[in-house]
Amino acid sequence: MNDPDRLASTPSAPRLTSLSHGGGCGCKIAPGVLSALLARATPLTAAFPNLLVGTETADDAAVYKLNDEQAIVATTDFFMPIVDDPYDFGRIAATNALSDVYAMGGKPILALALVGMPINVLPHEVIAQVLRGGEDVCAAAGIPVAGGHSIDSVEPIYGLAALGVVHPERVKRNASARAGDVLVLGKPLGVGVLSAALKKDLLDAAGYKAMVDAATMLNKPGAPLAEREGVHAMTDVTGFGLLGHTLEIARGAGLTARVRYAALPWLPGVEAFVEQGVYTGASGRNWASYGDGVTLAPQLPESARTLLTDPQTSGGLLVACAPQDVDAVLALFHADGFASACVIGDMIEGSARVEVV
């Protein structure tokens, strides 16, 4: 799957994925464990009135109001390799980090690189290619990598600290969905499954391309979506899988999120791989953390639970919008190349949970 031109000068380079115990957003601490770790954290928004978004609702980024017209969006995201090609690893990690800014409705303005590499294990040219991948994605987003920090670590790690700007009245939280809203998903699902197939040498060139193409699509529609009053809530689907991030929306709003399984878009081959037993361990950890907040219809296939909890690396935006705004929301996605964007469900009155029908 690697580009021979990029790696020709480093024939002895080990596979990046062989150097890490996990990859991509599958590296995330399980949501149940994370909740326990943060249980004693002190809510900050009361003490800092300009902090519009903190840690209270597990949102995608912090938002701090500067004045009546501007707020800063601040986030950081980094992980271990999900692919072996160093340039693709850098691109995916950078795209994933910037997604949190877009998910709040913001526009990125700059990034700082976060780099941890086994300096005596990886050829320096390989590490340089990781950095170049991240820089190229930031250039595509119209921002500089203006600095950063690096350490010599046992496992390769790369990501960004990213800053963006948004109008304080256009911040889109994950907790503000309304009853009657329609749920729109911007990207197809299944990155975690395909990454597991890659590790087992089961993923062909077409499957690899589909995975990388999805994971390197910048979620730029987030900024124009934030300008629509009918868009009430937004998040991106990453390491906790579709169910986990939809459940965050449901809990934040105190509503039931109803997902239609047949409407979900999948990357090519994902369902077949799961039926063959190819998936990541993060799926099981995700379900153990939040499965009590989910109801799966009995007619769903046996593979549904694994697919729905599959950790997405650099996944799509999940948008809750008024029914009359659906066509406009889909048009924004499609105009920016998100051909798989589609309606996957709605928000209804009921307890804070997810129902998959």
Foldseek 3Di string as FASTA:
>chain_A
DADCVLCVVPVPADQQVVQDPDAFLLPDDAPQVVCVVCVPPDDDCVVPVQFPDDPPLVWLFTWGDPDQFKIKTKWKFKTGHLGRHLLLRLLLQLLLGCQSQLQQLWQWAEKEKEWEEQPVRGDPSSVVSSVVSNQVLCVVSVYGNPYYDYYHDSHTMIHIIIMTMDRPVLTATLQFFDAQWFKKWQAAFFLQLLSLCVVVVNADPVLVVLSSVQSNQRQNLSNVVSVDPQFHHKHFAFFQFQFVSVLSSLVSHQWEWEFEPVLGGHRPPRVVSVVVVRGDPSLVSSCVNCVVQEAEDPVDDPSVSSRRRGGHRNGTMMITGHPVCVVVSVVSSVVSPSVSIDTTTHIHHDGSGYYYD
